[in-house]
Amino acid sequence: MPWYTLCGWLGCLETDHECTLAMPTIRRQRMDYLADTANVSIPVMIDDVKRDLESFEMTRTRFLLIESTEPEVGLTAAASEVRLPAFLLSLSGVVYRPSESSDTFNSAKQIEELHETVEASELLEMESDELWLPTSPIDEVRSEPKFGDVFRVALPLFRLSMSFGRDGVTLASFLEQANSMRQQVTYSDVETSAFRDWYQQQVEEAEVNYEKQLGRDSVLDWKGD
C-alpha cells in the first residue's frame, strides 16, 4: 500500500503530537518527522516554466494527491490518544513515495500500482495539484528544464510553496524565503524516466481503447441498419 502525508497534518509535523487517520479498512499513521524531517521530499513534475513575464521567473509544477471527498462515519481524526469528535471531509494526502520499501518511483509499474490501489477504494481518488517554485533553483540542477521533468522538493520548501498564493504570502516574501532554501530542490532522473514511461503507457492504452470503441460503434451502426 502506498504511504502519503496528509496536507492537514503539515501544520503539526513539528509538534509533539501524534496525528492519525482511522478508517474501517484503511489506516494511516504519520511517519516520525520529528526524527527524520530533513529527509522527506515530494516528487513534483514540471508543468510550465515562466520566463517571458517581467519579475515573475516562476515554474508551475504538479504533485500527486490522494483525496477523500465524502464524509465517512469511520473516518475520524485523533491527536495523541484523544479521538476527536468529528468526521473528516475533503481530506488530501500528498504522495511522496510508492511504498515503505522504496523511497522513489523507479518504474512505471510502481506508479500504476499506486493508481490501482487508490482506485480500488470507494473512499479515495487520485488527483493532482499545482505548486509554484522559483525557476532559478530548478535551473541550477537541471539545464533547460522541460515539461515532464521530475524534481524532488524537500518538505520545508514544499510547505512554504503551498502557502504561496493561498495564505496572503507576497511574491517578494516568498522568493526571499524560497531562494534561501534553493538547495532543497533536486532533479530526479530515475523518476523522470518512470513517469514518462507511465504517461506513454497511458497514451497507448487510450489509443487502443479508442480504436476498440470505434469498432464497437461501427458494429452497432451496422446492426442498426
C-alpha atoms as a PDB file:
ATOM      1  CA  MET A   1       0.000   0.000   0.000  1.00  0.00           C
ATOM      2  CA  PRO A   2       1.365   3.486  -0.834  1.00  0.00           C
ATOM      3  CA  TRP A   3       2.224   5.821   2.002  1.00  0.00           C
ATOM      4  CA  TYR A   4       1.492   9.523   1.960  1.00  0.00           C
ATOM      5  CA  THR A   5       1.473  12.520   4.260  1.00  0.00           C
ATOM      6  CA  LEU A   6      -1.791  14.315   4.844  1.00  0.00           C
ATOM      7  CA  CYS A   7      -1.931  18.000   3.941  1.00  0.00           C
ATOM      8  CA  GLY A   8      -3.936  18.651   7.083  1.00  0.00           C
ATOM      9  CA  TRP A   9      -1.106  17.249   9.184  1.00  0.00           C
ATOM     10  CA  LEU A  10       1.590  19.520   7.816  1.00  0.00           C
ATOM     11  CA  GLY A  11       0.846  22.106  10.467  1.00  0.00           C
ATOM     12  CA  CYS A  12       1.512  19.670  13.317  1.00  0.00           C
ATOM     13  CA  LEU A  13       4.635  17.989  11.990  1.00  0.00           C
ATOM     14  CA  GLU A  14       6.887  19.989  14.290  1.00  0.00           C
ATOM     15  CA  THR A  15       4.903  19.377  17.463  1.00  0.00           C
ATOM     16  CA  ASP A  16       4.995  16.526  19.958  1.00  0.00           C
ATOM     17  CA  HIS A  17       1.532  15.333  18.936  1.00  0.00           C
ATOM     18  CA  GLU A  18       0.915  12.074  17.135  1.00  0.00           C
ATOM     19  CA  CYS A  19      -1.700  12.514  14.413  1.00  0.00           C
ATOM     20  CA  THR A  20      -3.507   9.522  12.979  1.00  0.00           C
ATOM     21  CA  LEU A  21      -6.239   8.760  10.491  1.00  0.00           C
ATOM     22  CA  ALA A  22      -8.559   5.825  11.101  1.00  0.00           C
ATOM     23  CA  MET A  23     -10.958   4.063   8.699  1.00  0.00           C
ATOM     24  CA  PRO A  24     -12.788   0.736   8.920  1.00  0.00           C
ATOM     25  CA  THR A  25     -10.467  -0.996   6.424  1.00  0.00           C
ATOM     26  CA  ILE A  26      -7.709   1.560   5.781  1.00  0.00           C
ATOM     27  CA  ARG A  27      -5.472   3.059   8.424  1.00  0.00           C
ATOM     28  CA  ARG A  28      -2.777   5.685   8.032  1.00  0.00           C
ATOM     29  CA  GLN A  29      -0.378   6.852  10.718  1.00  0.00           C
ATOM     30  CA  ARG A  30       2.042   9.688  10.136  1.00  0.00           C
ATOM     31  CA  MET A  31       5.729   8.890   9.929  1.00  0.00           C
ATOM     32  CA  ASP A  32       8.101  10.190  12.599  1.00  0.00           C
ATOM     33  CA  TYR A  33       9.012  13.592  11.177  1.00  0.00           C
ATOM     34  CA  LEU A  34      10.500  14.725  14.463  1.00  0.00           C
ATOM     35  CA  ALA A  35      13.401  12.321  13.901  1.00  0.00           C
ATOM     36  CA  ASP A  36      13.770  12.471  10.124  1.00  0.00           C
ATOM     37  CA  THR A  37      12.059  15.577   8.703  1.00  0.00           C
ATOM     38  CA  ALA A  38      15.099  16.671   6.704  1.00  0.00           C
ATOM     39  CA  ASN A  39      14.992  13.516   4.566  1.00  0.00           C
ATOM     40  CA  VAL A  40      11.359  13.871   3.488  1.00  0.00           C
ATOM     41  CA  SER A  41      10.836  15.146  -0.073  1.00  0.00           C
ATOM     42  CA  ILE A  42       7.947  15.225  -2.525  1.00  0.00           C
ATOM     43  CA  PRO A  43       8.197  14.462  -6.264  1.00  0.00           C
ATOM     44  CA  VAL A  44       6.865  17.290  -8.452  1.00  0.00           C
ATOM     45  CA  MET A  45       6.576  17.380 -12.235  1.00  0.00           C
ATOM     46  CA  ILE A  46       7.298  20.409 -14.428  1.00  0.00           C
ATOM     47  CA  ASP A  47       4.102  21.763 -15.981  1.00  0.00           C
ATOM     48  CA  ASP A  48       5.155  25.191 -17.265  1.00  0.00           C
ATOM     49  CA  VAL A  49       8.263  27.393 -16.941  1.00  0.00           C
ATOM     50  CA  LYS A  50       7.525  31.121 -16.973  1.00  0.00           C
ATOM     51  CA  ARG A  51      10.444  33.105 -18.449  1.00  0.00           C
ATOM     52  CA  ASP A  52       8.891  35.874 -20.513  1.00  0.00           C
ATOM     53  CA  LEU A  53       6.924  37.592 -17.763  1.00  0.00           C
ATOM     54  CA  GLU A  54       8.675  40.553 -16.155  1.00  0.00           C
ATOM     55  CA  SER A  55       9.610  39.939 -12.493  1.00  0.00           C
ATOM     56  CA  PHE A  56       7.897  36.535 -12.494  1.00  0.00           C
ATOM     57  CA  GLU A  57      10.581  33.898 -13.020  1.00  0.00           C
ATOM     58  CA  MET A  58       8.452  31.070 -11.664  1.00  0.00           C
ATOM     59  CA  THR A  59       7.800  27.452 -12.592  1.00  0.00           C
ATOM     60  CA  ARG A  60       4.479  25.708 -12.207  1.00  0.00           C
ATOM     61  CA  THR A  61       4.755  22.082 -11.143  1.00  0.00           C
ATOM     62  CA  ARG A  62       2.227  19.422 -10.221  1.00  0.00           C
ATOM     63  CA  PHE A  63       2.243  16.796  -7.477  1.00  0.00           C
ATOM     64  CA  LEU A  64       0.092  13.750  -6.768  1.00  0.00           C
ATOM     65  CA  LEU A  65      -2.717  13.759  -4.234  1.00  0.00           C
ATOM     66  CA  ILE A  66      -4.893  11.076  -2.714  1.00  0.00           C
ATOM     67  CA  GLU A  67      -8.230  12.578  -1.753  1.00  0.00           C
ATOM     68  CA  SER A  68     -11.299  11.572   0.211  1.00  0.00           C
ATOM     69  CA  THR A  69     -14.205  13.784  -0.794  1.00  0.00           C
ATOM     70  CA  GLU A  70     -17.098  12.270   1.150  1.00  0.00           C
ATOM     71  CA  PRO A  71     -17.668  12.215   4.927  1.00  0.00           C
ATOM     72  CA  GLU A  72     -17.450   8.698   6.336  1.00  0.00           C
ATOM     73  CA  VAL A  73     -18.632   7.545   9.755  1.00  0.00           C
ATOM     74  CA  GLY A  74     -15.474   5.511  10.264  1.00  0.00           C
ATOM     75  CA  LEU A  75     -13.144   8.270   9.022  1.00  0.00           C
ATOM     76  CA  THR A  76     -12.012  10.210  12.085  1.00  0.00           C
ATOM     77  CA  ALA A  77      -9.027  12.135  13.395  1.00  0.00           C
ATOM     78  CA  ALA A  78      -7.033  11.690  16.573  1.00  0.00           C
ATOM     79  CA  ALA A  79      -4.377  13.792  18.297  1.00  0.00           C
ATOM     80  CA  SER A  80      -2.127  11.905  20.725  1.00  0.00           C
ATOM     81  CA  GLU A  81      -4.504   9.475  22.471  1.00  0.00           C
ATOM     82  CA  VAL A  82      -7.604  11.635  22.100  1.00  0.00           C
ATOM     83  CA  ARG A  83     -10.106  10.770  19.366  1.00  0.00           C
ATOM     84  CA  LEU A  84     -11.606  13.996  18.038  1.00  0.00           C
ATOM     85  CA  PRO A  85     -15.443  14.149  17.799  1.00  0.00           C
ATOM     86  CA  ALA A  86     -15.542  14.928  14.081  1.00  0.00           C
ATOM     87  CA  PHE A  87     -15.752  13.158  10.740  1.00  0.00           C
ATOM     88  CA  LEU A  88     -13.194  14.226   8.149  1.00  0.00           C
ATOM     89  CA  LEU A  89     -14.216  15.674   4.790  1.00  0.00           C
ATOM     90  CA  SER A  90     -12.163  16.586   1.700  1.00  0.00           C
ATOM     91  CA  LEU A  91      -9.030  15.078   3.175  1.00  0.00           C
ATOM     92  CA  SER A  92      -5.966  15.322   0.908  1.00  0.00           C
ATOM     93  CA  GLY A  93      -2.841  13.180   1.034  1.00  0.00           C
ATOM     94  CA  VAL A  94       0.435  14.256  -0.599  1.00  0.00           C
ATOM     95  CA  VAL A  95       2.164  11.309  -2.277  1.00  0.00           C
ATOM     96  CA  TYR A  96       5.888  11.238  -1.507  1.00  0.00           C
ATOM     97  CA  ARG A  97       6.922   7.616  -2.174  1.00  0.00           C
ATOM     98  CA  PRO A  98       5.429   4.455  -3.702  1.00  0.00           C
ATOM     99  CA  SER A  99       5.764   2.157  -0.675  1.00  0.00           C
ATOM    100  CA  GLU A 100       7.525   1.505   2.621  1.00  0.00           C
ATOM    101  CA  SER A 101      10.232  -0.406   0.793  1.00  0.00           C
ATOM    102  CA  SER A 102      11.029   2.247  -1.815  1.00  0.00           C
ATOM    103  CA  ASP A 103      11.732   5.958  -1.405  1.00  0.00           C
ATOM    104  CA  THR A 104      11.458   6.793  -5.117  1.00  0.00           C
ATOM    105  CA  PHE A 105       9.321   5.835  -8.105  1.00  0.00           C
ATOM    106  CA  ASN A 106      11.757   3.656 -10.019  1.00  0.00           C
ATOM    107  CA  SER A 107       9.369   2.302 -12.650  1.00  0.00           C
ATOM    108  CA  ALA A 108       6.079   2.915 -14.411  1.00  0.00           C
ATOM    109  CA  LYS A 109       4.784  -0.238 -12.704  1.00  0.00           C
ATOM    110  CA  GLN A 110       5.053   1.384  -9.268  1.00  0.00           C
ATOM    111  CA  ILE A 111       3.052   4.381 -10.461  1.00  0.00           C
ATOM    112  CA  GLU A 112       0.384   2.155 -11.994  1.00  0.00           C
ATOM    113  CA  GLU A 113       0.143   0.061  -8.812  1.00  0.00           C
ATOM    114  CA  LEU A 114      -0.359   3.265  -6.812  1.00  0.00           C
ATOM    115  CA  HIS A 115      -3.258   4.295  -9.036  1.00  0.00           C
ATOM    116  CA  GLU A 116      -4.793   0.815  -8.909  1.00  0.00           C
ATOM    117  CA  THR A 117      -4.616   0.746  -5.108  1.00  0.00           C
ATOM    118  CA  VAL A 118      -6.359   4.102  -4.812  1.00  0.00           C
ATOM    119  CA  GLU A 119      -8.973   3.289  -7.446  1.00  0.00           C
ATOM    120  CA  ALA A 120      -9.814   0.065  -5.609  1.00  0.00           C
ATOM    121  CA  SER A 121     -11.012   2.113  -2.633  1.00  0.00           C
ATOM    122  CA  GLU A 122     -14.520   3.542  -2.549  1.00  0.00           C
ATOM    123  CA  LEU A 123     -13.382   6.385  -0.282  1.00  0.00           C
ATOM    124  CA  LEU A 124     -10.295   7.641  -2.143  1.00  0.00           C
ATOM    125  CA  GLU A 125      -9.382   9.011  -5.545  1.00  0.00           C
ATOM    126  CA  MET A 126      -6.153  10.093  -7.238  1.00  0.00           C
ATOM    127  CA  GLU A 127      -5.767  13.753  -8.153  1.00  0.00           C
ATOM    128  CA  SER A 128      -3.007  16.292  -8.732  1.00  0.00           C
ATOM    129  CA  ASP A 129      -2.497  19.899  -7.673  1.00  0.00           C
ATOM    130  CA  GLU A 130      -0.173  22.709  -8.682  1.00  0.00           C
ATOM    131  CA  LEU A 131       2.855  24.004  -6.806  1.00  0.00           C
ATOM    132  CA  TRP A 132       4.744  27.172  -7.786  1.00  0.00           C
ATOM    133  CA  LEU A 133       8.525  27.252  -7.360  1.00  0.00           C
ATOM    134  CA  PRO A 134      11.193  29.847  -8.231  1.00  0.00           C
ATOM    135  CA  THR A 135      12.795  28.948 -11.546  1.00  0.00           C
ATOM    136  CA  SER A 136      16.393  29.727 -10.520  1.00  0.00           C
ATOM    137  CA  PRO A 137      16.865  26.770  -8.097  1.00  0.00           C
ATOM    138  CA  ILE A 138      15.481  24.461 -10.786  1.00  0.00           C
ATOM    139  CA  ASP A 139      17.841  25.885 -13.402  1.00  0.00           C
ATOM    140  CA  GLU A 140      20.775  25.239 -11.094  1.00  0.00           C
ATOM    141  CA  VAL A 141      20.181  21.486 -11.001  1.00  0.00           C
ATOM    142  CA  ARG A 142      18.715  20.968 -14.489  1.00  0.00           C
ATOM    143  CA  SER A 143      19.766  22.893 -17.577  1.00  0.00           C
ATOM    144  CA  GLU A 144      16.711  23.931 -19.607  1.00  0.00           C
ATOM    145  CA  PRO A 145      14.035  22.085 -17.597  1.00  0.00           C
ATOM    146  CA  LYS A 146      11.107  20.980 -19.694  1.00  0.00           C
ATOM    147  CA  PHE A 147       7.584  19.634 -19.347  1.00  0.00           C
ATOM    148  CA  GLY A 148       7.516  16.274 -17.596  1.00  0.00           C
ATOM    149  CA  ASP A 149      10.829  16.591 -15.754  1.00  0.00           C
ATOM    150  CA  VAL A 150      10.524  15.372 -12.157  1.00  0.00           C
ATOM    151  CA  PHE A 151      12.197  17.106  -9.242  1.00  0.00           C
ATOM    152  CA  ARG A 152      12.289  16.357  -5.543  1.00  0.00           C
ATOM    153  CA  VAL A 153      11.327  19.200  -3.191  1.00  0.00           C
ATOM    154  CA  ALA A 154      12.227  18.918   0.500  1.00  0.00           C
ATOM    155  CA  LEU A 155       9.357  19.242   2.953  1.00  0.00           C
ATOM    156  CA  PRO A 156      10.223  22.742   4.356  1.00  0.00           C
ATOM    157  CA  LEU A 157      10.281  24.300   0.874  1.00  0.00           C
ATOM    158  CA  PHE A 158       7.194  22.330  -0.137  1.00  0.00           C
ATOM    159  CA  ARG A 159       5.281  23.703   2.846  1.00  0.00           C
ATOM    160  CA  LEU A 160       6.418  27.241   2.043  1.00  0.00           C
ATOM    161  CA  SER A 161       5.411  26.867  -1.617  1.00  0.00           C
ATOM    162  CA  MET A 162       1.993  25.551  -0.597  1.00  0.00           C
ATOM    163  CA  SER A 163       1.402  28.817   1.252  1.00  0.00           C
ATOM    164  CA  PHE A 164       2.238  30.982  -1.778  1.00  0.00           C
ATOM    165  CA  GLY A 165      -0.932  32.413  -3.281  1.00  0.00           C
ATOM    166  CA  ARG A 166      -3.078  30.809  -0.590  1.00  0.00           C
ATOM    167  CA  ASP A 167      -2.188  32.457   2.717  1.00  0.00           C
ATOM    168  CA  GLY A 168      -1.597  36.046   1.616  1.00  0.00           C
ATOM    169  CA  VAL A 169       2.145  35.497   1.091  1.00  0.00           C
ATOM    170  CA  THR A 170       3.535  38.121  -1.307  1.00  0.00           C
ATOM    171  CA  LEU A 171       5.757  37.174  -4.242  1.00  0.00           C
ATOM    172  CA  ALA A 172       8.708  39.140  -2.860  1.00  0.00           C
ATOM    173  CA  SER A 173       8.454  37.488   0.553  1.00  0.00           C
ATOM    174  CA  PHE A 174       8.050  34.061  -0.979  1.00  0.00           C
ATOM    175  CA  LEU A 175      11.056  34.445  -3.299  1.00  0.00           C
ATOM    176  CA  GLU A 176      13.259  35.678  -0.470  1.00  0.00           C
ATOM    177  CA  GLN A 177      12.454  32.671   1.695  1.00  0.00           C
ATOM    178  CA  ALA A 178      12.390  30.143  -1.143  1.00  0.00           C
ATOM    179  CA  ASN A 179      15.754  31.224  -2.562  1.00  0.00           C
ATOM    180  CA  SER A 180      17.310  30.673   0.853  1.00  0.00           C
ATOM    181  CA  MET A 181      16.123  27.042   0.542  1.00  0.00           C
ATOM    182  CA  ARG A 182      17.346  26.556  -3.044  1.00  0.00           C
ATOM    183  CA  GLN A 183      19.410  23.506  -2.055  1.00  0.00           C
ATOM    184  CA  GLN A 184      16.142  21.725  -1.234  1.00  0.00           C
ATOM    185  CA  VAL A 185      15.387  21.213  -4.947  1.00  0.00           C
ATOM    186  CA  THR A 186      16.990  18.213  -6.678  1.00  0.00           C
ATOM    187  CA  TYR A 187      16.481  16.682 -10.092  1.00  0.00           C
ATOM    188  CA  SER A 188      15.275  13.055 -10.165  1.00  0.00           C
ATOM    189  CA  ASP A 189      16.406  11.378 -13.366  1.00  0.00           C
ATOM    190  CA  VAL A 190      15.029   7.946 -12.470  1.00  0.00           C
ATOM    191  CA  GLU A 191      11.594   9.331 -11.581  1.00  0.00           C
ATOM    192  CA  THR A 192      11.517  11.457 -14.726  1.00  0.00           C
ATOM    193  CA  SER A 193      12.012   8.285 -16.773  1.00  0.00           C
ATOM    194  CA  ALA A 194       9.439   6.356 -14.721  1.00  0.00           C
ATOM    195  CA  PHE A 195       6.720   8.983 -15.108  1.00  0.00           C
ATOM    196  CA  ARG A 196       7.452   9.478 -18.825  1.00  0.00           C
ATOM    197  CA  ASP A 197       7.150   5.717 -19.365  1.00  0.00           C
ATOM    198  CA  TRP A 198       3.919   5.589 -17.376  1.00  0.00           C
ATOM    199  CA  TYR A 199       2.466   8.544 -19.293  1.00  0.00           C
ATOM    200  CA  GLN A 200       3.366   6.920 -22.605  1.00  0.00           C
ATOM    201  CA  GLN A 201       1.633   3.724 -21.496  1.00  0.00           C
ATOM    202  CA  GLN A 202      -1.498   5.717 -20.655  1.00  0.00           C
ATOM    203  CA  VAL A 203      -1.469   7.315 -24.110  1.00  0.00           C
ATOM    204  CA  GLU A 204      -1.063   3.939 -25.825  1.00  0.00           C
ATOM    205  CA  GLU A 205      -3.845   2.370 -23.749  1.00  0.00           C
ATOM    206  CA  ALA A 206      -6.137   5.309 -24.515  1.00  0.00           C
ATOM    207  CA  GLU A 207      -5.460   4.873 -28.241  1.00  0.00           C
ATOM    208  CA  VAL A 208      -6.223   1.150 -28.063  1.00  0.00           C
ATOM    209  CA  ASN A 209      -9.442   1.790 -26.126  1.00  0.00           C
ATOM    210  CA  TYR A 210     -10.430   4.456 -28.633  1.00  0.00           C
ATOM    211  CA  GLU A 211      -9.925   2.056 -31.536  1.00  0.00           C
ATOM    212  CA  LYS A 212     -11.947  -0.600 -29.729  1.00  0.00           C
ATOM    213  CA  GLN A 213     -14.748   1.886 -29.106  1.00  0.00           C
ATOM    214  CA  LEU A 214     -14.752   2.885 -32.773  1.00  0.00           C
ATOM    215  CA  GLY A 215     -15.046  -0.799 -33.694  1.00  0.00           C
ATOM    216  CA  ARG A 216     -17.969  -1.328 -31.322  1.00  0.00           C
ATOM    217  CA  ASP A 217     -19.719   1.792 -32.617  1.00  0.00           C
ATOM    218  CA  SER A 218     -19.266   0.599 -36.211  1.00  0.00           C
ATOM    219  CA  VAL A 219     -20.798  -2.783 -35.335  1.00  0.00           C
ATOM    220  CA  LEU A 220     -23.730  -1.119 -33.575  1.00  0.00           C
ATOM    221  CA  ASP A 221     -24.297   1.195 -36.555  1.00  0.00           C
ATOM    222  CA  TRP A 222     -24.213  -1.791 -38.903  1.00  0.00           C
ATOM    223  CA  LYS A 223     -26.727  -3.715 -36.766  1.00  0.00           C
ATOM    224  CA  GLY A 224     -28.911  -0.648 -36.582  1.00  0.00           C
ATOM    225  CA  ASP A 225     -29.078  -0.508 -40.373  1.00  0.00           C
END
